[in-house]
Every structure is written in structure tokens, then in C-alpha cells.
């Protein structure tokens, strides 16, 4: 089966780019700097998401009693961090 473009899906006002159009294109940071200035462009391009932590954590699956989990959750927001701290303090060889 040959892949032919569907005529009703072709946008004549915004045609698909080819190698020539990509060769003429400028990188996004350069275009932003030209239009808004370097400082504003840097603020707009900042990385997304949470900043990387110095010490990353590893997700695990842990099976514990339901009542134990409820007790930790009852301590309020941040219960997972507190639980991790207790586990760390009780780890064999912990200083």
C-alpha cells in the first residue's frame, strides 16, 4: 500500500517543511534573543521541571502493614520524607 497524502489534510497556507526550509531556520534561543533581548530570552528558556537534587532518590516498592502505613500518613504532609529519615537512621552501619 503506497502512502499518498490525503488532499483534505494538506494545509496550503502552512506547507510541510523540507531540507531547504530547515537549512534557513534559526535556533529558537537565537530568535528569542533577537526579539526580546538576551536577559528575557534566558528567563523564557529556563529548564522545565524540578531542579535536580544533589542526592537523588531511588523509587522502591515496599510491602508494609496497613496500620503502619496509616500511622505514618496520620503524621501529615511529608510523611514519606520522615519515614525515609527513620529508615536511614536505623540502617545497619549508619553513623
Protein backbone atom coordinates (compact mmCIF):
# COMPACT_ATOMS: atom_id res chain seq x y z
CA UNK A 1 0.00 0.00 0.00
CA UNK A 2 1.51 3.33 -1.06
CA UNK A 3 1.49 6.32 1.25
CA UNK A 4 -0.23 9.15 -0.54
CA UNK A 5 -1.08 12.35 1.27
CA UNK A 6 -4.76 12.88 1.88
CA UNK A 7 -5.76 16.02 -0.05
CA UNK A 8 -8.07 17.20 2.71
CA UNK A 9 -5.18 17.10 5.24
CA UNK A 10 -2.79 19.26 3.18
CA UNK A 11 -2.54 22.80 4.54
CA UNK A 12 -1.65 25.11 1.64
CA UNK A 13 -1.07 28.09 3.96
CA UNK A 14 1.39 26.12 6.11
CA UNK A 15 3.13 23.52 3.90
CA UNK A 16 5.36 20.79 5.26
CA UNK A 17 9.00 21.82 5.62
CA UNK A 18 11.70 20.27 3.50
CA UNK A 19 15.52 20.40 3.69
CA UNK A 20 15.65 23.94 2.25
CA UNK A 21 13.35 25.38 4.90
CA UNK A 22 15.22 23.63 7.71
CA UNK A 23 18.53 24.95 6.36
CA UNK A 24 17.19 28.55 6.55
CA UNK A 25 15.73 28.15 10.05
CA UNK A 26 17.35 29.73 13.11
CA UNK A 27 17.62 28.05 16.52
CA UNK A 28 14.87 29.02 18.96
CA UNK A 29 17.20 30.69 21.52
CA UNK A 30 18.62 32.97 18.81
CA UNK A 31 15.19 34.04 17.59
CA UNK A 32 14.04 34.79 21.14
CA UNK A 33 17.18 36.83 21.86
CA UNK A 34 16.65 38.88 18.70
CA UNK A 35 13.03 39.61 19.56
CA UNK A 36 13.12 40.02 23.34
CA UNK A 37 16.77 40.57 24.30
CA UNK A 38 19.26 38.19 25.89
CA UNK A 39 18.09 38.53 29.50
CA UNK A 40 14.40 37.94 28.77
CA UNK A 41 15.25 35.10 26.38
CA UNK A 42 17.29 33.32 29.08
CA UNK A 43 14.38 33.62 31.53
CA UNK A 44 11.98 32.19 28.94
CA UNK A 45 14.27 29.26 28.08
CA UNK A 46 14.98 28.12 31.65
CA UNK A 47 14.83 24.35 32.13
CA UNK A 48 11.47 22.84 32.93
CA UNK A 49 10.55 20.79 35.95
CA UNK A 50 12.05 20.48 39.37
CA UNK A 51 15.75 21.32 39.78
CA UNK A 52 17.97 18.25 40.01
CA UNK A 53 18.74 17.23 43.59
CA UNK A 54 22.33 16.85 44.76
CA UNK A 55 21.49 13.39 46.09
CA UNK A 56 18.86 11.61 44.05
CA UNK A 57 16.44 9.08 45.49
CA UNK A 58 15.55 5.65 44.16
CA UNK A 59 11.91 4.57 43.88
CA UNK A 60 11.14 1.24 45.57
CA UNK A 61 8.13 -0.93 46.20
CA UNK A 62 7.78 -1.83 49.89
CA UNK A 63 5.10 -4.03 51.45
CA UNK A 64 4.21 -2.94 54.99
CA UNK A 65 1.22 -3.47 57.28
CA UNK A 66 -1.81 -1.29 56.57
CA UNK A 67 -1.89 0.03 60.14
CA UNK A 68 1.77 1.04 59.95
CA UNK A 69 1.11 2.95 56.74
CA UNK A 70 -1.95 4.66 58.25
CA UNK A 71 0.13 5.70 61.28
CA UNK A 72 2.73 7.34 59.04
CA UNK A 73 0.12 9.05 56.87
CA UNK A 74 -1.61 10.34 60.01
CA UNK A 75 1.53 12.35 60.84
CA UNK A 76 0.62 14.70 57.97
CA UNK A 77 2.29 16.09 54.88
CA UNK A 78 5.90 14.96 54.46
CA UNK A 79 5.33 11.53 55.98
CA UNK A 80 7.38 9.81 53.27
CA UNK A 81 10.39 12.02 53.97
CA UNK A 82 10.10 11.35 57.70
CA UNK A 83 9.77 7.62 57.07
CA UNK A 84 12.87 7.66 54.86
CA UNK A 85 14.80 9.51 57.60
CA UNK A 86 13.87 6.90 60.22
CA UNK A 87 14.84 4.06 57.85
CA UNK A 88 18.16 5.77 57.20
CA UNK A 89 18.86 6.23 60.93
CA UNK A 90 18.07 2.56 61.60
CA UNK A 91 20.04 1.20 58.65
CA UNK A 92 22.85 -1.21 59.53
CA UNK A 93 26.18 0.58 59.64
CA UNK A 94 24.56 4.03 59.87
CA UNK A 95 26.74 6.57 61.66
